[in-house]
Amino acid sequence: MIGASLAGAVFSIAAGAEQISQATPQVVGRAFSATFLLEAGLILMAVALALGNRKPRRTDQ
């Protein structure tokens, strides 16, 4: 949920343009890359948390 709400804000901050329609293709590409890297980092953090919170399996039957 946090990633979805921050993606637009990160994109606009990384683009740095008041009007996105006035941004150059290079700026838009850089902003897209920054947003993608943030989202990928959040996914990796979620996977690490999920794997770290796993309970060990019981082997006695």
PDB file of N, CA and C in Angstrom:
ATOM      1  N   MET A   1       0.814  -1.188   0.000  1.00  0.00           N
ATOM      2  CA  MET A   1       0.000   0.000   0.000  1.00  0.00           C
ATOM      3  C   MET A   1       0.862   1.258   0.000  1.00  0.00           C
ATOM      4  N   ILE A   2       1.936   1.224   0.724  1.00  0.00           N
ATOM      5  CA  ILE A   2       2.784   2.419   0.781  1.00  0.00           C
ATOM      6  C   ILE A   2       3.386   2.701  -0.588  1.00  0.00           C
ATOM      7  N   GLY A   3       3.835   1.658  -1.270  1.00  0.00           N
ATOM      8  CA  GLY A   3       4.450   1.841  -2.581  1.00  0.00           C
ATOM      9  C   GLY A   3       3.503   2.445  -3.589  1.00  0.00           C
ATOM     10  N   ALA A   4       2.259   2.009  -3.555  1.00  0.00           N
ATOM     11  CA  ALA A   4       1.281   2.529  -4.506  1.00  0.00           C
ATOM     12  C   ALA A   4       1.000   4.003  -4.245  1.00  0.00           C
ATOM     13  N   SER A   5       0.953   4.395  -2.993  1.00  0.00           N
ATOM     14  CA  SER A   5       0.665   5.794  -2.711  1.00  0.00           C
ATOM     15  C   SER A   5       1.866   6.702  -2.935  1.00  0.00           C
ATOM     16  N   LEU A   6       3.056   6.162  -2.831  1.00  0.00           N
ATOM     17  CA  LEU A   6       4.246   6.990  -3.010  1.00  0.00           C
ATOM     18  C   LEU A   6       4.735   7.065  -4.450  1.00  0.00           C
ATOM     19  N   ALA A   7       4.283   6.153  -5.294  1.00  0.00           N
ATOM     20  CA  ALA A   7       4.818   6.086  -6.655  1.00  0.00           C
ATOM     21  C   ALA A   7       4.616   7.396  -7.416  1.00  0.00           C
ATOM     22  N   GLY A   8       3.437   7.967  -7.351  1.00  0.00           N
ATOM     23  CA  GLY A   8       3.181   9.227  -8.050  1.00  0.00           C
ATOM     24  C   GLY A   8       4.007  10.375  -7.502  1.00  0.00           C
ATOM     25  N   ALA A   9       4.129  10.400  -6.185  1.00  0.00           N
ATOM     26  CA  ALA A   9       4.923  11.468  -5.560  1.00  0.00           C
ATOM     27  C   ALA A   9       6.399  11.339  -5.920  1.00  0.00           C
ATOM     28  N   VAL A  10       6.914  10.123  -5.902  1.00  0.00           N
ATOM     29  CA  VAL A  10       8.327   9.902  -6.256  1.00  0.00           C
ATOM     30  C   VAL A  10       8.562  10.284  -7.709  1.00  0.00           C
ATOM     31  N   PHE A  11       7.641   9.898  -8.578  1.00  0.00           N
ATOM     32  CA  PHE A  11       7.789  10.233  -9.990  1.00  0.00           C
ATOM     33  C   PHE A  11       7.819  11.742 -10.200  1.00  0.00           C
ATOM     34  N   SER A  12       6.903  12.460  -9.579  1.00  0.00           N
ATOM     35  CA  SER A  12       6.855  13.907  -9.795  1.00  0.00           C
ATOM     36  C   SER A  12       8.061  14.615  -9.178  1.00  0.00           C
ATOM     37  N   ILE A  13       8.526  14.133  -8.050  1.00  0.00           N
ATOM     38  CA  ILE A  13       9.720  14.738  -7.443  1.00  0.00           C
ATOM     39  C   ILE A  13      10.944  14.463  -8.304  1.00  0.00           C
ATOM     40  N   ALA A  14      11.064  13.207  -8.789  1.00  0.00           N
ATOM     41  CA  ALA A  14      12.216  12.864  -9.616  1.00  0.00           C
ATOM     42  C   ALA A  14      12.188  13.603 -10.948  1.00  0.00           C
ATOM     43  N   ALA A  15      10.996  13.856 -11.476  1.00  0.00           N
ATOM     44  CA  ALA A  15      10.891  14.596 -12.737  1.00  0.00           C
ATOM     45  C   ALA A  15      11.263  16.064 -12.533  1.00  0.00           C
ATOM     46  N   GLY A  16      10.866  16.620 -11.404  1.00  0.00           N
ATOM     47  CA  GLY A  16      11.247  17.986 -11.081  1.00  0.00           C
ATOM     48  C   GLY A  16      10.592  19.048 -11.945  1.00  0.00           C
ATOM     49  N   ALA A  17       9.654  18.680 -12.764  1.00  0.00           N
ATOM     50  CA  ALA A  17       8.989  19.667 -13.628  1.00  0.00           C
ATOM     51  C   ALA A  17       7.670  20.089 -12.989  1.00  0.00           C
ATOM     52  N   GLU A  18       7.350  21.348 -13.134  1.00  0.00           N
ATOM     53  CA  GLU A  18       6.064  21.824 -12.627  1.00  0.00           C
ATOM     54  C   GLU A  18       4.931  21.208 -13.435  1.00  0.00           C
ATOM     55  N   GLN A  19       5.103  21.154 -14.729  1.00  0.00           N
ATOM     56  CA  GLN A  19       4.125  20.515 -15.612  1.00  0.00           C
ATOM     57  C   GLN A  19       4.818  19.328 -16.283  1.00  0.00           C
ATOM     58  N   ILE A  20       4.298  18.132 -16.044  1.00  0.00           N
ATOM     59  CA  ILE A  20       4.944  16.949 -16.614  1.00  0.00           C
ATOM     60  C   ILE A  20       4.917  16.986 -18.136  1.00  0.00           C
ATOM     61  N   SER A  21       3.967  17.695 -18.708  1.00  0.00           N
ATOM     62  CA  SER A  21       3.897  17.797 -20.170  1.00  0.00           C
ATOM     63  C   SER A  21       5.071  18.600 -20.734  1.00  0.00           C
ATOM     64  N   GLN A  22       5.747  19.365 -19.888  1.00  0.00           N
ATOM     65  CA  GLN A  22       6.891  20.153 -20.340  1.00  0.00           C
ATOM     66  C   GLN A  22       8.223  19.434 -20.102  1.00  0.00           C
ATOM     67  N   ALA A  23       8.185  18.261 -19.498  1.00  0.00           N
ATOM     68  CA  ALA A  23       9.419  17.533 -19.196  1.00  0.00           C
ATOM     69  C   ALA A  23       9.968  16.876 -20.460  1.00  0.00           C
ATOM     70  N   THR A  24      11.276  16.809 -20.537  1.00  0.00           N
ATOM     71  CA  THR A  24      11.914  16.156 -21.688  1.00  0.00           C
ATOM     72  C   THR A  24      11.821  14.638 -21.538  1.00  0.00           C
ATOM     73  N   PRO A  25      11.968  13.900 -22.631  1.00  0.00           N
ATOM     74  CA  PRO A  25      11.932  12.444 -22.540  1.00  0.00           C
ATOM     75  C   PRO A  25      13.007  11.878 -21.606  1.00  0.00           C
ATOM     76  N   GLN A  26      14.161  12.505 -21.557  1.00  0.00           N
ATOM     77  CA  GLN A  26      15.222  12.038 -20.664  1.00  0.00           C
ATOM     78  C   GLN A  26      14.813  12.178 -19.203  1.00  0.00           C
ATOM     79  N   VAL A  27      14.167  13.278 -18.872  1.00  0.00           N
ATOM     80  CA  VAL A  27      13.717  13.513 -17.499  1.00  0.00           C
ATOM     81  C   VAL A  27      12.633  12.509 -17.125  1.00  0.00           C
ATOM     82  N   VAL A  28      11.709  12.261 -18.036  1.00  0.00           N
ATOM     83  CA  VAL A  28      10.647  11.293 -17.773  1.00  0.00           C
ATOM     84  C   VAL A  28      11.241   9.901 -17.585  1.00  0.00           C
ATOM     85  N   GLY A  29      12.207   9.536 -18.402  1.00  0.00           N
ATOM     86  CA  GLY A  29      12.864   8.235 -18.267  1.00  0.00           C
ATOM     87  C   GLY A  29      13.591   8.098 -16.941  1.00  0.00           C
ATOM     88  N   ARG A  30      14.274   9.152 -16.522  1.00  0.00           N
ATOM     89  CA  ARG A  30      14.972   9.134 -15.242  1.00  0.00           C
ATOM     90  C   ARG A  30      13.989   9.021 -14.079  1.00  0.00           C
ATOM     91  N   ALA A  31      12.878   9.741 -14.174  1.00  0.00           N
ATOM     92  CA  ALA A  31      11.858   9.681 -13.122  1.00  0.00           C
ATOM     93  C   ALA A  31      11.225   8.294 -13.068  1.00  0.00           C
ATOM     94  N   PHE A  32      10.982   7.702 -14.232  1.00  0.00           N
ATOM     95  CA  PHE A  32      10.423   6.353 -14.281  1.00  0.00           C
ATOM     96  C   PHE A  32      11.391   5.363 -13.651  1.00  0.00           C
ATOM     97  N   SER A  33      12.677   5.489 -13.951  1.00  0.00           N
ATOM     98  CA  SER A  33      13.687   4.592 -13.382  1.00  0.00           C
ATOM     99  C   SER A  33      13.758   4.734 -11.864  1.00  0.00           C
ATOM    100  N   ALA A  34      13.706   5.959 -11.367  1.00  0.00           N
ATOM    101  CA  ALA A  34      13.746   6.181  -9.917  1.00  0.00           C
ATOM    102  C   ALA A  34      12.539   5.554  -9.243  1.00  0.00           C
ATOM    103  N   THR A  35      11.365   5.708  -9.859  1.00  0.00           N
ATOM    104  CA  THR A  35      10.145   5.129  -9.305  1.00  0.00           C
ATOM    105  C   THR A  35      10.230   3.606  -9.314  1.00  0.00           C
ATOM    106  N   PHE A  36      10.709   3.041 -10.419  1.00  0.00           N
ATOM    107  CA  PHE A  36      10.838   1.589 -10.531  1.00  0.00           C
ATOM    108  C   PHE A  36      11.812   1.050  -9.486  1.00  0.00           C
ATOM    109  N   LEU A  37      12.932   1.721  -9.281  1.00  0.00           N
ATOM    110  CA  LEU A  37      13.909   1.268  -8.285  1.00  0.00           C
ATOM    111  C   LEU A  37      13.329   1.305  -6.877  1.00  0.00           C
ATOM    112  N   LEU A  38      12.557   2.336  -6.568  1.00  0.00           N
ATOM    113  CA  LEU A  38      11.914   2.410  -5.261  1.00  0.00           C
ATOM    114  C   LEU A  38      10.945   1.243  -5.081  1.00  0.00           C
ATOM    115  N   GLU A  39      10.123   0.997  -6.087  1.00  0.00           N
ATOM    116  CA  GLU A  39       9.149  -0.098  -6.001  1.00  0.00           C
ATOM    117  C   GLU A  39       9.842  -1.448  -5.889  1.00  0.00           C
ATOM    118  N   ALA A  40      10.911  -1.656  -6.635  1.00  0.00           N
ATOM    119  CA  ALA A  40      11.658  -2.910  -6.552  1.00  0.00           C
ATOM    120  C   ALA A  40      12.254  -3.084  -5.154  1.00  0.00           C
ATOM    121  N   GLY A  41      12.763  -2.006  -4.579  1.00  0.00           N
ATOM    122  CA  GLY A  41      13.294  -2.067  -3.222  1.00  0.00           C
ATOM    123  C   GLY A  41      12.231  -2.419  -2.195  1.00  0.00           C
ATOM    124  N   LEU A  42      11.040  -1.852  -2.365  1.00  0.00           N
ATOM    125  CA  LEU A  42       9.946  -2.172  -1.441  1.00  0.00           C
ATOM    126  C   LEU A  42       9.518  -3.635  -1.576  1.00  0.00           C
ATOM    127  N   ILE A  43       9.518  -4.150  -2.805  1.00  0.00           N
ATOM    128  CA  ILE A  43       9.180  -5.567  -3.009  1.00  0.00           C
ATOM    129  C   ILE A  43      10.214  -6.456  -2.342  1.00  0.00           C
ATOM    130  N   LEU A  44      11.489  -6.148  -2.520  1.00  0.00           N
ATOM    131  CA  LEU A  44      12.551  -6.942  -1.884  1.00  0.00           C
ATOM    132  C   LEU A  44      12.448  -6.885  -0.368  1.00  0.00           C
ATOM    133  N   MET A  45      12.100  -5.728   0.170  1.00  0.00           N
ATOM    134  CA  MET A  45      11.940  -5.601   1.612  1.00  0.00           C
ATOM    135  C   MET A  45      10.766  -6.456   2.091  1.00  0.00           C
ATOM    136  N   ALA A  46       9.671  -6.465   1.344  1.00  0.00           N
ATOM    137  CA  ALA A  46       8.509  -7.279   1.720  1.00  0.00           C
ATOM    138  C   ALA A  46       8.833  -8.762   1.683  1.00  0.00           C
ATOM    139  N   VAL A  47       9.575  -9.193   0.671  1.00  0.00           N
ATOM    140  CA  VAL A  47       9.965 -10.607   0.581  1.00  0.00           C
ATOM    141  C   VAL A  47      10.888 -10.972   1.741  1.00  0.00           C
ATOM    142  N   ALA A  48      11.834 -10.105   2.051  1.00  0.00           N
ATOM    143  CA  ALA A  48      12.745 -10.377   3.163  1.00  0.00           C
ATOM    144  C   ALA A  48      11.988 -10.465   4.484  1.00  0.00           C
ATOM    145  N   LEU A  49      11.032  -9.581   4.691  1.00  0.00           N
ATOM    146  CA  LEU A  49      10.236  -9.635   5.915  1.00  0.00           C
ATOM    147  C   LEU A  49       9.400 -10.905   5.975  1.00  0.00           C
ATOM    148  N   ALA A  50       8.834 -11.300   4.845  1.00  0.00           N
ATOM    149  CA  ALA A  50       8.013 -12.511   4.820  1.00  0.00           C
ATOM    150  C   ALA A  50       8.859 -13.752   5.100  1.00  0.00           C
ATOM    151  N   LEU A  51      10.036 -13.814   4.516  1.00  0.00           N
ATOM    152  CA  LEU A  51      10.912 -14.966   4.744  1.00  0.00           C
ATOM    153  C   LEU A  51      11.476 -14.965   6.157  1.00  0.00           C
ATOM    154  N   GLY A  52      11.726 -13.783   6.699  1.00  0.00           N
ATOM    155  CA  GLY A  52      12.275 -13.688   8.049  1.00  0.00           C
ATOM    156  C   GLY A  52      11.275 -14.030   9.134  1.00  0.00           C
ATOM    157  N   ASN A  53       9.999 -13.907   8.833  1.00  0.00           N
ATOM    158  CA  ASN A  53       8.966 -14.174   9.831  1.00  0.00           C
ATOM    159  C   ASN A  53       8.379 -15.576   9.728  1.00  0.00           C
ATOM    160  N   ARG A  54       8.959 -16.420   8.886  1.00  0.00           N
ATOM    161  CA  ARG A  54       8.458 -17.787   8.764  1.00  0.00           C
ATOM    162  C   ARG A  54       8.795 -18.581  10.009  1.00  0.00           C
ATOM    163  N   LYS A  55       7.856 -19.404  10.428  1.00  0.00           N
ATOM    164  CA  LYS A  55       8.098 -20.263  11.574  1.00  0.00           C
ATOM    165  C   LYS A  55       8.731 -21.556  11.084  1.00  0.00           C
ATOM    166  N   PRO A  56       9.680 -22.101  11.857  1.00  0.00           N
ATOM    167  CA  PRO A  56      10.308 -23.350  11.426  1.00  0.00           C
ATOM    168  C   PRO A  56       9.296 -24.487  11.425  1.00  0.00           C
ATOM    169  N   ARG A  57       9.488 -25.408  10.495  1.00  0.00           N
ATOM    170  CA  ARG A  57       8.609 -26.579  10.409  1.00  0.00           C
ATOM    171  C   ARG A  57       8.919 -27.541  11.545  1.00  0.00           C
ATOM    172  N   ARG A  58       7.869 -28.186  12.001  1.00  0.00           N
ATOM    173  CA  ARG A  58       8.060 -29.210  13.012  1.00  0.00           C
ATOM    174  C   ARG A  58       8.390 -30.518  12.316  1.00  0.00           C
ATOM    175  N   THR A  59       9.418 -31.181  12.785  1.00  0.00           N
ATOM    176  CA  THR A  59       9.824 -32.431  12.141  1.00  0.00           C
ATOM    177  C   THR A  59       9.330 -33.662  12.898  1.00  0.00           C
ATOM    178  N   ASP A  60       8.849 -33.514  14.120  1.00  0.00           N
ATOM    179  CA  ASP A  60       8.345 -34.677  14.862  1.00  0.00           C
ATOM    180  C   ASP A  60       6.909 -34.986  14.421  1.00  0.00           C
ATOM    181  N   GLN A  61       6.671 -36.253  14.202  1.00  0.00           N
ATOM    182  CA  GLN A  61       5.336 -36.636  13.735  1.00  0.00           C
ATOM    183  C   GLN A  61       4.690 -37.606  14.669  1.00  0.00           C
TER     184      GLN A  61
END
